[in-house]
C-alpha atoms as a PDB file:
ATOM      1  CA  UNK A   1    -116.859-136.767  12.309  1.00  0.00           C
ATOM      2  CA  UNK A   2    -119.763-138.562  13.993  1.00  0.00           C
ATOM      3  CA  UNK A   3    -121.311-140.924  11.437  1.00  0.00           C
ATOM      4  CA  UNK A   4    -124.895-139.982  12.399  1.00  0.00           C
ATOM      5  CA  UNK A   5    -124.089-136.277  12.046  1.00  0.00           C
ATOM      6  CA  UNK A   6    -122.434-136.905   8.706  1.00  0.00           C
ATOM      7  CA  UNK A   7    -125.468-138.739   7.338  1.00  0.00           C
ATOM      8  CA  UNK A   8    -127.836-135.985   8.491  1.00  0.00           C
ATOM      9  CA  UNK A   9    -125.643-133.259   7.009  1.00  0.00           C
ATOM     10  CA  UNK A  10    -125.526-135.038   3.660  1.00  0.00           C
ATOM     11  CA  UNK A  11    -129.320-135.250   3.648  1.00  0.00           C
ATOM     12  CA  UNK A  12    -129.551-131.519   4.444  1.00  0.00           C
ATOM     13  CA  UNK A  13    -127.113-130.700   1.666  1.00  0.00           C
ATOM     14  CA  UNK A  14    -129.256-132.796  -0.688  1.00  0.00           C
ATOM     15  CA  UNK A  15    -132.296-130.669   0.158  1.00  0.00           C
ATOM     16  CA  UNK A  16    -133.935-132.660   2.991  1.00  0.00           C
ATOM     17  CA  UNK A  17    -134.913-129.887   5.438  1.00  0.00           C
ATOM     18  CA  UNK A  18    -136.274-132.351   8.014  1.00  0.00           C
ATOM     19  CA  UNK A  19    -132.795-133.852   8.526  1.00  0.00           C
ATOM     20  CA  UNK A  20    -131.655-130.684  10.306  1.00  0.00           C
ATOM     21  CA  UNK A  21    -134.132-131.110  13.176  1.00  0.00           C
ATOM     22  CA  UNK A  22    -132.276-134.048  14.830  1.00  0.00           C
ATOM     23  CA  UNK A  23    -129.088-131.968  14.807  1.00  0.00           C
ATOM     24  CA  UNK A  24    -130.893-129.119  16.556  1.00  0.00           C
ATOM     25  CA  UNK A  25    -132.307-131.473  19.198  1.00  0.00           C
ATOM     26  CA  UNK A  26    -128.918-133.129  19.761  1.00  0.00           C
ATOM     27  CA  UNK A  27    -126.912-129.947  20.294  1.00  0.00           C
ATOM     28  CA  UNK A  28    -129.456-127.361  21.469  1.00  0.00           C
ATOM     29  CA  UNK A  29    -128.694-127.585  25.220  1.00  0.00           C
ATOM     30  CA  UNK A  30    -124.920-127.696  24.724  1.00  0.00           C
ATOM     31  CA  UNK A  31    -125.085-124.667  22.441  1.00  0.00           C
ATOM     32  CA  UNK A  32    -127.228-122.793  24.960  1.00  0.00           C
ATOM     33  CA  UNK A  33    -124.832-123.507  27.842  1.00  0.00           C
ATOM     34  CA  UNK A  34    -121.912-122.209  25.782  1.00  0.00           C
ATOM     35  CA  UNK A  35    -123.796-119.070  24.705  1.00  0.00           C
ATOM     36  CA  UNK A  36    -124.952-118.425  28.262  1.00  0.00           C
ATOM     37  CA  UNK A  37    -121.402-118.537  29.644  1.00  0.00           C
ATOM     38  CA  UNK A  38    -120.470-115.726  27.260  1.00  0.00           C
ATOM     39  CA  UNK A  39    -123.534-113.455  27.300  1.00  0.00           C
ATOM     40  CA  UNK A  40    -124.641-114.249  30.905  1.00  0.00           C
ATOM     41  CA  UNK A  41    -128.304-113.689  30.096  1.00  0.00           C
ATOM     42  CA  UNK A  42    -130.770-116.549  29.734  1.00  0.00           C
ATOM     43  CA  UNK A  43    -133.067-115.053  27.089  1.00  0.00           C
ATOM     44  CA  UNK A  44    -130.236-113.523  25.105  1.00  0.00           C
ATOM     45  CA  UNK A  45    -128.507-116.908  25.078  1.00  0.00           C
ATOM     46  CA  UNK A  46    -131.602-118.458  23.487  1.00  0.00           C
ATOM     47  CA  UNK A  47    -131.530-115.685  20.869  1.00  0.00           C
ATOM     48  CA  UNK A  48    -127.929-116.618  20.096  1.00  0.00           C
ATOM     49  CA  UNK A  49    -128.917-120.285  19.832  1.00  0.00           C
ATOM     50  CA  UNK A  50    -131.678-119.534  17.356  1.00  0.00           C
ATOM     51  CA  UNK A  51    -129.461-117.328  15.219  1.00  0.00           C
ATOM     52  CA  UNK A  52    -126.598-119.854  15.362  1.00  0.00           C
ATOM     53  CA  UNK A  53    -128.736-122.712  14.053  1.00  0.00           C
ATOM     54  CA  UNK A  54    -130.151-120.500  11.290  1.00  0.00           C
ATOM     55  CA  UNK A  55    -126.648-119.516  10.198  1.00  0.00           C
ATOM     56  CA  UNK A  56    -125.441-123.101  10.454  1.00  0.00           C
ATOM     57  CA  UNK A  57    -128.262-124.326   8.218  1.00  0.00           C
ATOM     58  CA  UNK A  58    -127.640-121.582   5.693  1.00  0.00           C
ATOM     59  CA  UNK A  59    -123.910-122.397   5.658  1.00  0.00           C
ATOM     60  CA  UNK A  60    -124.276-126.194   5.404  1.00  0.00           C
ATOM     61  CA  UNK A  61    -123.707-126.238   1.628  1.00  0.00           C
ATOM     62  CA  UNK A  62    -120.147-125.004   2.261  1.00  0.00           C
ATOM     63  CA  UNK A  63    -119.475-127.407   5.164  1.00  0.00           C
ATOM     64  CA  UNK A  64    -116.914-129.996   4.022  1.00  0.00           C
ATOM     65  CA  UNK A  65    -116.563-132.022   7.203  1.00  0.00           C
ATOM     66  CA  UNK A  66    -112.912-131.150   7.780  1.00  0.00           C
ATOM     67  CA  UNK A  67    -113.770-130.797  11.485  1.00  0.00           C
ATOM     68  CA  UNK A  68    -116.515-132.246  13.667  1.00  0.00           C
ATOM     69  CA  UNK A  69    -119.926-130.650  13.159  1.00  0.00           C
ATOM     70  CA  UNK A  70    -120.173-129.571  16.796  1.00  0.00           C
ATOM     71  CA  UNK A  71    -116.820-127.735  16.747  1.00  0.00           C
ATOM     72  CA  UNK A  72    -117.931-125.931  13.591  1.00  0.00           C
ATOM     73  CA  UNK A  73    -121.279-125.104  15.253  1.00  0.00           C
ATOM     74  CA  UNK A  74    -119.610-123.997  18.507  1.00  0.00           C
ATOM     75  CA  UNK A  75    -117.420-121.609  16.543  1.00  0.00           C
ATOM     76  CA  UNK A  76    -120.534-119.941  15.102  1.00  0.00           C
ATOM     77  CA  UNK A  77    -121.992-119.674  18.618  1.00  0.00           C
ATOM     78  CA  UNK A  78    -118.826-118.153  20.090  1.00  0.00           C
ATOM     79  CA  UNK A  79    -118.638-115.554  17.316  1.00  0.00           C
ATOM     80  CA  UNK A  80    -122.308-114.563  17.679  1.00  0.00           C
ATOM     81  CA  UNK A  81    -122.213-114.448  21.476  1.00  0.00           C
ATOM     82  CA  UNK A  82    -118.982-112.431  21.493  1.00  0.00           C
ATOM     83  CA  UNK A  83    -120.549-109.926  19.068  1.00  0.00           C
ATOM     84  CA  UNK A  84    -123.502-109.586  21.459  1.00  0.00           C
ATOM     85  CA  UNK A  85    -121.185-108.802  24.367  1.00  0.00           C
ATOM     86  CA  UNK A  86    -119.343-106.179  22.294  1.00  0.00           C
ATOM     87  CA  UNK A  87    -122.650-104.565  21.282  1.00  0.00           C
ATOM     88  CA  UNK A  88    -123.792-104.525  24.913  1.00  0.00           C
ATOM     89  CA  UNK A  89    -120.536-102.871  25.980  1.00  0.00           C
ATOM     90  CA  UNK A  90    -120.960-100.242  23.262  1.00  0.00           C
ATOM     91  CA  UNK A  91    -124.502 -99.506  24.472  1.00  0.00           C
ATOM     92  CA  UNK A  92    -123.209 -99.260  28.028  1.00  0.00           C
ATOM     93  CA  UNK A  93    -120.585 -96.698  27.017  1.00  0.00           C
ATOM     94  CA  UNK A  94    -123.167 -94.681  25.123  1.00  0.00           C
ATOM     95  CA  UNK A  95    -126.041 -94.755  27.631  1.00  0.00           C
ATOM     96  CA  UNK A  96    -124.496 -95.724  30.947  1.00  0.00           C
ATOM     97  CA  UNK A  97    -123.984 -99.079  32.647  1.00  0.00           C
ATOM     98  CA  UNK A  98    -126.421-101.777  31.559  1.00  0.00           C
ATOM     99  CA  UNK A  99    -127.115-104.356  34.308  1.00  0.00           C
ATOM    100  CA  UNK A 100    -126.903-108.017  33.372  1.00  0.00           C
ATOM    101  CA  UNK A 101    -129.578-110.071  35.215  1.00  0.00           C
ATOM    102  CA  UNK A 102    -128.374-113.021  37.314  1.00  0.00           C
ATOM    103  CA  UNK A 103    -129.871-116.276  36.046  1.00  0.00           C
ATOM    104  CA  UNK A 104    -130.198-119.688  37.615  1.00  0.00           C
ATOM    105  CA  UNK A 105    -127.492-121.948  36.218  1.00  0.00           C
ATOM    106  CA  UNK A 106    -129.072-124.788  38.206  1.00  0.00           C
ATOM    107  CA  UNK A 107    -132.101-124.740  35.910  1.00  0.00           C
ATOM    108  CA  UNK A 108    -129.947-125.863  32.993  1.00  0.00           C
ATOM    109  CA  UNK A 109    -127.664-128.236  34.884  1.00  0.00           C
ATOM    110  CA  UNK A 110    -129.666-130.151  37.527  1.00  0.00           C
ATOM    111  CA  UNK A 111    -127.852-132.329  40.069  1.00  0.00           C
ATOM    112  CA  UNK A 112    -129.348-135.805  39.840  1.00  0.00           C
ATOM    113  CA  UNK A 113    -129.862-137.785  43.017  1.00  0.00           C
ATOM    114  CA  UNK A 114    -128.797-134.935  45.340  1.00  0.00           C
ATOM    115  CA  UNK A 115    -130.687-134.639  48.630  1.00  0.00           C
ATOM    116  CA  UNK A 116    -132.313-131.357  49.771  1.00  0.00           C
ATOM    117  CA  UNK A 117    -129.433-130.411  52.111  1.00  0.00           C
ATOM    118  CA  UNK A 118    -126.745-131.243  49.585  1.00  0.00           C
ATOM    119  CA  UNK A 119    -128.643-129.401  46.859  1.00  0.00           C
ATOM    120  CA  UNK A 120    -128.960-126.301  49.078  1.00  0.00           C
ATOM    121  CA  UNK A 121    -125.194-126.229  49.537  1.00  0.00           C
ATOM    122  CA  UNK A 122    -124.600-126.664  45.811  1.00  0.00           C
ATOM    123  CA  UNK A 123    -127.057-123.875  44.981  1.00  0.00           C
ATOM    124  CA  UNK A 124    -125.087-121.570  47.243  1.00  0.00           C
ATOM    125  CA  UNK A 125    -121.839-122.668  45.626  1.00  0.00           C
ATOM    126  CA  UNK A 126    -123.225-122.156  42.120  1.00  0.00           C
ATOM    127  CA  UNK A 127    -124.606-118.743  43.027  1.00  0.00           C
ATOM    128  CA  UNK A 128    -121.245-117.532  44.266  1.00  0.00           C
ATOM    129  CA  UNK A 129    -119.220-119.141  41.484  1.00  0.00           C
ATOM    130  CA  UNK A 130    -121.606-117.701  38.878  1.00  0.00           C
ATOM    131  CA  UNK A 131    -120.940-114.240  40.276  1.00  0.00           C
ATOM    132  CA  UNK A 132    -117.214-114.907  40.087  1.00  0.00           C
ATOM    133  CA  UNK A 133    -117.515-116.056  36.484  1.00  0.00           C
ATOM    134  CA  UNK A 134    -119.149-112.713  35.708  1.00  0.00           C
ATOM    135  CA  UNK A 135    -115.867-111.078  36.704  1.00  0.00           C
ATOM    136  CA  UNK A 136    -113.868-113.150  34.203  1.00  0.00           C
ATOM    137  CA  UNK A 137    -113.493-111.841  30.656  1.00  0.00           C
ATOM    138  CA  UNK A 138    -115.800-113.549  28.108  1.00  0.00           C
ATOM    139  CA  UNK A 139    -112.840-115.308  26.439  1.00  0.00           C
ATOM    140  CA  UNK A 140    -111.890-116.918  29.786  1.00  0.00           C
ATOM    141  CA  UNK A 141    -115.485-118.005  30.469  1.00  0.00           C
ATOM    142  CA  UNK A 142    -115.800-119.507  26.997  1.00  0.00           C
ATOM    143  CA  UNK A 143    -112.589-121.525  27.187  1.00  0.00           C
ATOM    144  CA  UNK A 144    -113.423-122.911  30.653  1.00  0.00           C
ATOM    145  CA  UNK A 145    -116.855-123.912  29.358  1.00  0.00           C
ATOM    146  CA  UNK A 146    -115.443-125.661  26.278  1.00  0.00           C
ATOM    147  CA  UNK A 147    -112.787-127.531  28.221  1.00  0.00           C
ATOM    148  CA  UNK A 148    -114.252-128.315  31.643  1.00  0.00           C
ATOM    149  CA  UNK A 149    -117.956-128.656  30.822  1.00  0.00           C
ATOM    150  CA  UNK A 150    -118.094-129.774  27.193  1.00  0.00           C
ATOM    151  CA  UNK A 151    -114.890-131.826  27.436  1.00  0.00           C
ATOM    152  CA  UNK A 152    -113.365-130.625  24.150  1.00  0.00           C
ATOM    153  CA  UNK A 153    -109.698-131.353  23.451  1.00  0.00           C
ATOM    154  CA  UNK A 154    -107.167-128.550  23.017  1.00  0.00           C
ATOM    155  CA  UNK A 155    -107.227-129.082  19.255  1.00  0.00           C
ATOM    156  CA  UNK A 156    -111.038-128.863  19.120  1.00  0.00           C
ATOM    157  CA  UNK A 157    -111.015-125.691  21.240  1.00  0.00           C
ATOM    158  CA  UNK A 158    -108.461-124.205  18.867  1.00  0.00           C
ATOM    159  CA  UNK A 159    -110.849-124.912  15.968  1.00  0.00           C
ATOM    160  CA  UNK A 160    -113.846-123.417  17.787  1.00  0.00           C
ATOM    161  CA  UNK A 161    -112.061-120.227  18.875  1.00  0.00           C
ATOM    162  CA  UNK A 162    -109.872-119.996  15.752  1.00  0.00           C
ATOM    163  CA  UNK A 163    -106.684-119.555  17.773  1.00  0.00           C
ATOM    164  CA  UNK A 164    -103.353-121.483  17.833  1.00  0.00           C
ATOM    165  CA  UNK A 165    -103.014-124.572  20.001  1.00  0.00           C
ATOM    166  CA  UNK A 166    -100.423-122.866  22.207  1.00  0.00           C
ATOM    167  CA  UNK A 167    -102.806-119.975  22.822  1.00  0.00           C
ATOM    168  CA  UNK A 168    -105.490-122.433  23.947  1.00  0.00           C
ATOM    169  CA  UNK A 169    -103.150-123.960  26.520  1.00  0.00           C
ATOM    170  CA  UNK A 170    -101.906-120.644  27.898  1.00  0.00           C
ATOM    171  CA  UNK A 171    -105.372-119.044  27.947  1.00  0.00           C
ATOM    172  CA  UNK A 172    -106.921-122.026  29.703  1.00  0.00           C
ATOM    173  CA  UNK A 173    -104.092-122.018  32.261  1.00  0.00           C
ATOM    174  CA  UNK A 174    -104.577-118.293  32.922  1.00  0.00           C
ATOM    175  CA  UNK A 175    -108.378-118.638  33.104  1.00  0.00           C
ATOM    176  CA  UNK A 176    -108.174-121.430  35.677  1.00  0.00           C
ATOM    177  CA  UNK A 177    -105.524-119.557  37.651  1.00  0.00           C
ATOM    178  CA  UNK A 178    -107.681-116.420  37.730  1.00  0.00           C
ATOM    179  CA  UNK A 179    -110.747-118.416  38.778  1.00  0.00           C
ATOM    180  CA  UNK A 180    -108.810-120.069  41.623  1.00  0.00           C
ATOM    181  CA  UNK A 181    -107.692-116.648  42.859  1.00  0.00           C
ATOM    182  CA  UNK A 182    -111.280-115.425  42.858  1.00  0.00           C
ATOM    183  CA  UNK A 183    -112.479-118.529  44.694  1.00  0.00           C
ATOM    184  CA  UNK A 184    -109.975-118.353  47.558  1.00  0.00           C
ATOM    185  CA  UNK A 185    -111.966-115.933  49.770  1.00  0.00           C
ATOM    186  CA  UNK A 186    -115.018-118.211  49.605  1.00  0.00           C
ATOM    187  CA  UNK A 187    -113.399-121.571  50.355  1.00  0.00           C
ATOM    188  CA  UNK A 188    -113.782-121.422  54.142  1.00  0.00           C
ATOM    189  CA  UNK A 189    -117.398-120.313  53.840  1.00  0.00           C
ATOM    190  CA  UNK A 190    -118.231-123.162  51.445  1.00  0.00           C
ATOM    191  CA  UNK A 191    -116.601-125.714  53.741  1.00  0.00           C
ATOM    192  CA  UNK A 192    -118.620-124.378  56.681  1.00  0.00           C
ATOM    193  CA  UNK A 193    -121.842-124.619  54.678  1.00  0.00           C
ATOM    194  CA  UNK A 194    -121.037-128.184  53.682  1.00  0.00           C
ATOM    195  CA  UNK A 195    -120.348-129.241  57.274  1.00  0.00           C
ATOM    196  CA  UNK A 196    -123.595-127.632  58.390  1.00  0.00           C
ATOM    197  CA  UNK A 197    -125.588-129.441  55.710  1.00  0.00           C
ATOM    198  CA  UNK A 198    -124.298-132.869  56.748  1.00  0.00           C
ATOM    199  CA  UNK A 199    -124.881-132.271  60.437  1.00  0.00           C
ATOM    200  CA  UNK A 200    -121.305-131.177  61.238  1.00  0.00           C
ATOM    201  CA  UNK A 201    -119.882-134.630  60.518  1.00  0.00           C
ATOM    202  CA  UNK A 202    -116.449-133.927  59.005  1.00  0.00           C
ATOM    203  CA  UNK A 203    -115.718-137.664  58.785  1.00  0.00           C
ATOM    204  CA  UNK A 204    -118.150-137.856  55.841  1.00  0.00           C
ATOM    205  CA  UNK A 205    -115.718-135.921  53.675  1.00  0.00           C
ATOM    206  CA  UNK A 206    -113.107-138.598  54.355  1.00  0.00           C
ATOM    207  CA  UNK A 207    -115.368-141.575  53.613  1.00  0.00           C
ATOM    208  CA  UNK A 208    -113.505-144.152  51.596  1.00  0.00           C
ATOM    209  CA  UNK A 209    -114.995-145.971  48.617  1.00  0.00           C
ATOM    210  CA  UNK A 210    -113.659-149.169  47.117  1.00  0.00           C
ATOM    211  CA  UNK A 211    -114.157-149.328  43.363  1.00  0.00           C
ATOM    212  CA  UNK A 212    -112.633-150.837  40.295  1.00  0.00           C
ATOM    213  CA  UNK A 213    -112.718-151.090  36.541  1.00  0.00           C
ATOM    214  CA  UNK A 214    -112.557-153.997  34.120  1.00  0.00           C
ATOM    215  CA  UNK A 215    -111.668-153.297  30.498  1.00  0.00           C
ATOM    216  CA  UNK A 216    -113.252-155.740  28.061  1.00  0.00           C
ATOM    217  CA  UNK A 217    -112.742-156.199  24.344  1.00  0.00           C
ATOM    218  CA  UNK A 218    -116.053-156.984  22.647  1.00  0.00           C
ATOM    219  CA  UNK A 219    -115.755-158.930  19.389  1.00  0.00           C
ATOM    220  CA  UNK A 220    -117.823-161.179  17.153  1.00  0.00           C
ATOM    221  CA  UNK A 221    -115.378-164.071  17.579  1.00  0.00           C
ATOM    222  CA  UNK A 222    -112.851-165.028  20.223  1.00  0.00           C
ATOM    223  CA  UNK A 223    -109.545-163.167  20.154  1.00  0.00           C
ATOM    224  CA  UNK A 224    -106.840-165.355  18.607  1.00  0.00           C
ATOM    225  CA  UNK A 225    -105.156-167.478  21.277  1.00  0.00           C
ATOM    226  CA  UNK A 226    -107.757-166.534  23.906  1.00  0.00           C
ATOM    227  CA  UNK A 227    -109.894-169.256  25.489  1.00  0.00           C
ATOM    228  CA  UNK A 228    -113.247-168.362  27.082  1.00  0.00           C
ATOM    229  CA  UNK A 229    -112.858-167.767  30.834  1.00  0.00           C
ATOM    230  CA  UNK A 230    -115.664-170.016  32.022  1.00  0.00           C
ATOM    231  CA  UNK A 231    -114.486-169.743  35.630  1.00  0.00           C
ATOM    232  CA  UNK A 232    -114.789-165.965  35.765  1.00  0.00           C
ATOM    233  CA  UNK A 233    -117.862-165.745  37.966  1.00  0.00           C
ATOM    234  CA  UNK A 234    -118.178-161.957  37.873  1.00  0.00           C
ATOM    235  CA  UNK A 235    -118.031-161.827  34.087  1.00  0.00           C
ATOM    236  CA  UNK A 236    -120.508-164.719  33.796  1.00  0.00           C
ATOM    237  CA  UNK A 237    -123.063-162.769  35.844  1.00  0.00           C
ATOM    238  CA  UNK A 238    -123.116-159.834  33.429  1.00  0.00           C
ATOM    239  CA  UNK A 239    -122.462-161.695  30.162  1.00  0.00           C
ATOM    240  CA  UNK A 240    -126.118-161.879  29.145  1.00  0.00           C
ATOM    241  CA  UNK A 241    -126.537-158.162  29.858  1.00  0.00           C
ATOM    242  CA  UNK A 242    -123.417-157.320  27.845  1.00  0.00           C
ATOM    243  CA  UNK A 243    -124.691-159.248  24.831  1.00  0.00           C
ATOM    244  CA  UNK A 244    -128.095-157.597  25.110  1.00  0.00           C
ATOM    245  CA  UNK A 245    -126.655-154.075  25.304  1.00  0.00           C
ATOM    246  CA  UNK A 246    -123.740-154.212  22.885  1.00  0.00           C
ATOM    247  CA  UNK A 247    -124.742-157.038  20.494  1.00  0.00           C
ATOM    248  CA  UNK A 248    -121.285-158.633  20.411  1.00  0.00           C
ATOM    249  CA  UNK A 249    -120.894-162.353  21.095  1.00  0.00           C
ATOM    250  CA  UNK A 250    -117.503-162.561  22.809  1.00  0.00           C
ATOM    251  CA  UNK A 251    -116.030-160.495  25.669  1.00  0.00           C
ATOM    252  CA  UNK A 252    -112.356-160.761  26.623  1.00  0.00           C
ATOM    253  CA  UNK A 253    -110.864-159.160  29.739  1.00  0.00           C
ATOM    254  CA  UNK A 254    -107.887-156.964  28.848  1.00  0.00           C
ATOM    255  CA  UNK A 255    -107.220-155.195  32.153  1.00  0.00           C
ATOM    256  CA  UNK A 256    -108.510-155.063  35.732  1.00  0.00           C
ATOM    257  CA  UNK A 257    -107.994-152.250  38.226  1.00  0.00           C
ATOM    258  CA  UNK A 258    -108.979-151.668  41.840  1.00  0.00           C
ATOM    259  CA  UNK A 259    -108.642-148.764  44.274  1.00  0.00           C
ATOM    260  CA  UNK A 260    -109.848-147.665  47.700  1.00  0.00           C
ATOM    261  CA  UNK A 261    -109.676-143.901  48.137  1.00  0.00           C
ATOM    262  CA  UNK A 262    -111.532-141.059  49.889  1.00  0.00           C
ATOM    263  CA  UNK A 263    -114.442-139.493  48.048  1.00  0.00           C
ATOM    264  CA  UNK A 264    -113.232-136.790  45.686  1.00  0.00           C
ATOM    265  CA  UNK A 265    -109.932-138.526  44.881  1.00  0.00           C
ATOM    266  CA  UNK A 266    -109.124-138.953  41.186  1.00  0.00           C
ATOM    267  CA  UNK A 267    -107.743-142.337  40.133  1.00  0.00           C
ATOM    268  CA  UNK A 268    -105.932-142.786  36.802  1.00  0.00           C
ATOM    269  CA  UNK A 269    -105.288-146.049  34.964  1.00  0.00           C
ATOM    270  CA  UNK A 270    -103.674-146.870  31.618  1.00  0.00           C
ATOM    271  CA  UNK A 271    -106.033-148.434  29.076  1.00  0.00           C
ATOM    272  CA  UNK A 272    -105.087-150.374  25.895  1.00  0.00           C
ATOM    273  CA  UNK A 273    -104.587-148.197  22.845  1.00  0.00           C
ATOM    274  CA  UNK A 274    -102.454-145.509  24.586  1.00  0.00           C
ATOM    275  CA  UNK A 275    -105.490-144.319  26.501  1.00  0.00           C
ATOM    276  CA  UNK A 276    -105.958-143.119  30.052  1.00  0.00           C
ATOM    277  CA  UNK A 277    -109.020-143.792  32.197  1.00  0.00           C
ATOM    278  CA  UNK A 278    -109.839-141.330  34.983  1.00  0.00           C
ATOM    279  CA  UNK A 279    -112.406-142.314  37.619  1.00  0.00           C
ATOM    280  CA  UNK A 280    -113.420-140.267  40.656  1.00  0.00           C
ATOM    281  CA  UNK A 281    -116.055-141.172  43.291  1.00  0.00           C
ATOM    282  CA  UNK A 282    -118.005-137.948  43.940  1.00  0.00           C
ATOM    283  CA  UNK A 283    -120.416-139.071  46.656  1.00  0.00           C
ATOM    284  CA  UNK A 284    -122.695-141.731  48.071  1.00  0.00           C
ATOM    285  CA  UNK A 285    -126.388-141.326  47.287  1.00  0.00           C
ATOM    286  CA  UNK A 286    -129.506-143.359  48.061  1.00  0.00           C
ATOM    287  CA  UNK A 287    -129.550-147.185  48.070  1.00  0.00           C
ATOM    288  CA  UNK A 288    -125.769-147.359  48.642  1.00  0.00           C
ATOM    289  CA  UNK A 289    -125.136-146.101  45.118  1.00  0.00           C
ATOM    290  CA  UNK A 290    -121.896-144.263  44.420  1.00  0.00           C
ATOM    291  CA  UNK A 291    -121.974-141.302  42.065  1.00  0.00           C
ATOM    292  CA  UNK A 292    -118.831-141.352  39.918  1.00  0.00           C
ATOM    293  CA  UNK A 293    -117.239-139.284  37.186  1.00  0.00           C
ATOM    294  CA  UNK A 294    -115.519-141.100  34.337  1.00  0.00           C
ATOM    295  CA  UNK A 295    -113.265-139.801  31.568  1.00  0.00           C
ATOM    296  CA  UNK A 296    -111.420-141.715  28.852  1.00  0.00           C
ATOM    297  CA  UNK A 297    -108.818-139.844  26.825  1.00  0.00           C
ATOM    298  CA  UNK A 298    -106.305-140.651  24.112  1.00  0.00           C
ATOM    299  CA  UNK A 299    -103.706-137.915  24.233  1.00  0.00           C
ATOM    300  CA  UNK A 300    -105.610-134.621  24.009  1.00  0.00           C
ATOM    301  CA  UNK A 301    -108.694-136.301  22.521  1.00  0.00           C
ATOM    302  CA  UNK A 302    -111.454-136.983  25.039  1.00  0.00           C
ATOM    303  CA  UNK A 303    -113.255-140.105  23.802  1.00  0.00           C
ATOM    304  CA  UNK A 304    -115.654-140.542  26.709  1.00  0.00           C
ATOM    305  CA  UNK A 305    -116.910-138.205  29.442  1.00  0.00           C
ATOM    306  CA  UNK A 306    -119.727-139.481  31.669  1.00  0.00           C
ATOM    307  CA  UNK A 307    -121.354-139.309  35.087  1.00  0.00           C
ATOM    308  CA  UNK A 308    -122.534-142.694  36.344  1.00  0.00           C
ATOM    309  CA  UNK A 309    -123.921-144.434  39.425  1.00  0.00           C
ATOM    310  CA  UNK A 310    -122.884-147.868  40.687  1.00  0.00           C
ATOM    311  CA  UNK A 311    -124.417-150.039  43.398  1.00  0.00           C
ATOM    312  CA  UNK A 312    -122.855-153.110  45.017  1.00  0.00           C
ATOM    313  CA  UNK A 313    -123.676-156.018  42.722  1.00  0.00           C
ATOM    314  CA  UNK A 314    -124.843-153.702  39.928  1.00  0.00           C
ATOM    315  CA  UNK A 315    -121.841-152.443  37.937  1.00  0.00           C
ATOM    316  CA  UNK A 316    -122.126-149.747  35.287  1.00  0.00           C
ATOM    317  CA  UNK A 317    -121.470-150.871  31.692  1.00  0.00           C
ATOM    318  CA  UNK A 318    -120.137-148.227  29.309  1.00  0.00           C
ATOM    319  CA  UNK A 319    -119.405-148.694  25.620  1.00  0.00           C
ATOM    320  CA  UNK A 320    -116.110-147.181  24.528  1.00  0.00           C
ATOM    321  CA  UNK A 321    -114.111-146.576  21.339  1.00  0.00           C
ATOM    322  CA  UNK A 322    -113.052-149.123  18.724  1.00  0.00           C
ATOM    323  CA  UNK A 323    -109.968-151.221  19.428  1.00  0.00           C
ATOM    324  CA  UNK A 324    -108.450-153.829  17.105  1.00  0.00           C
ATOM    325  CA  UNK A 325    -111.338-155.919  15.708  1.00  0.00           C
ATOM    326  CA  UNK A 326    -113.919-154.819  18.256  1.00  0.00           C
ATOM    327  CA  UNK A 327    -114.761-152.134  20.792  1.00  0.00           C
ATOM    328  CA  UNK A 328    -113.701-151.476  24.361  1.00  0.00           C
ATOM    329  CA  UNK A 329    -116.290-151.965  27.098  1.00  0.00           C
ATOM    330  CA  UNK A 330    -115.661-150.389  30.517  1.00  0.00           C
ATOM    331  CA  UNK A 331    -117.199-152.088  33.552  1.00  0.00           C
ATOM    332  CA  UNK A 332    -117.196-149.942  36.705  1.00  0.00           C
ATOM    333  CA  UNK A 333    -118.127-151.337  40.122  1.00  0.00           C
ATOM    334  CA  UNK A 334    -118.172-149.674  43.534  1.00  0.00           C
ATOM    335  CA  UNK A 335    -118.659-150.500  47.209  1.00  0.00           C
ATOM    336  CA  UNK A 336    -119.362-147.508  49.490  1.00  0.00           C
ATOM    337  CA  UNK A 337    -118.855-149.597  52.664  1.00  0.00           C
ATOM    338  CA  UNK A 338    -115.483-151.314  52.353  1.00  0.00           C
ATOM    339  CA  UNK A 339    -114.570-153.496  55.324  1.00  0.00           C
END
C-alpha cells in the first residue's frame, strides 16, 4: 500500500479526523470518474462520491491494509453506484422510462495542449463514444473504466469488483469486443472529421516521430564495478537537473532504446526487473513538442501510467519504481522532424 496513504489511515484510525481530508483530495476526481461511468449522471455521481467517502471513513477502523486503499475505496464506489442503477431501473419499471441526461465528459477530462480544430474533433468523438457507452451494461462500463482509464491491474480489478481473476479477463475481453462492434459504424465518419479538421492533409496521420528512452539507475553511490561515464555528453547535460529532482548522487545508464515510427504506433521495450515499457507518440503540439503516452508494467501490475510532452533538447524525466539499491529513472526524448 502507498506509504503516504498508510500513514494517513493510521492517523485516522487513531482519531485524527483531519488526516482524512488529504485522502479525499487525492482520490476525489478518480472516484467521480468511476461513479459517472456507472450511473451516467453528473450530479448523481457526486452524490455517490460523497456517500462513498462517508462510508469509507466510517469503515476505516476495520480496514487492515490487505489491499491498496484505492482498490478498497473503488469497491465501495462500484457497489454504491451499481445500487443506484438498480434503483433507477426499478423506478423506471414502476413509473415508465426515466431519461438519463447526457453530460459532458470533456469537463472532467480536458485535453491539454489541443488546438481548437483538434479539440472540436475530439468533442465529437467523445459525444458519440459516450452515447455508445450508454448502450453497454454498467458492469462493462465499470471494467473498461478501471482498466483503460485508471490503469488497474487484473488483480486489483478483481479486488474492486469482488470477482475471480478469470472473470475479470473474460469480462474485459467481452466489454472491449462489444465496444469495438458499436464503434464500427462511426469509424469512417470520425476519419472524415479528422481530415477536415487538419485541412484534408492525410499525410499528417502518417507523420513519423523519432524518439527514445534511457533507463537510469539512481543510487547514493556508484554501482559496484561501474565507473562514471564522463564522456556521456547527453547525460552530463541533464545530470544537475536529475540531482535536483530526485536527490540521488549517482546515475548509471542501464538501457537505451530508440525508434522512429508513425504517430499512434505503440513501441514496447524490456526494462530491468522483468518490466515492460510502452511508449506511444500521440501527436505533435505547439513548439515542436510531442505528446506521448507512457506505461511501465511488471506482469499485470501497472507501476507507472503517464501522459508527457517532450521537445527537442528537453527530455522528460520520470521517476520509476525501486530497483536493487536505488530507483529507476526513465528519460524520454523526442524529435518530431526526423531527417
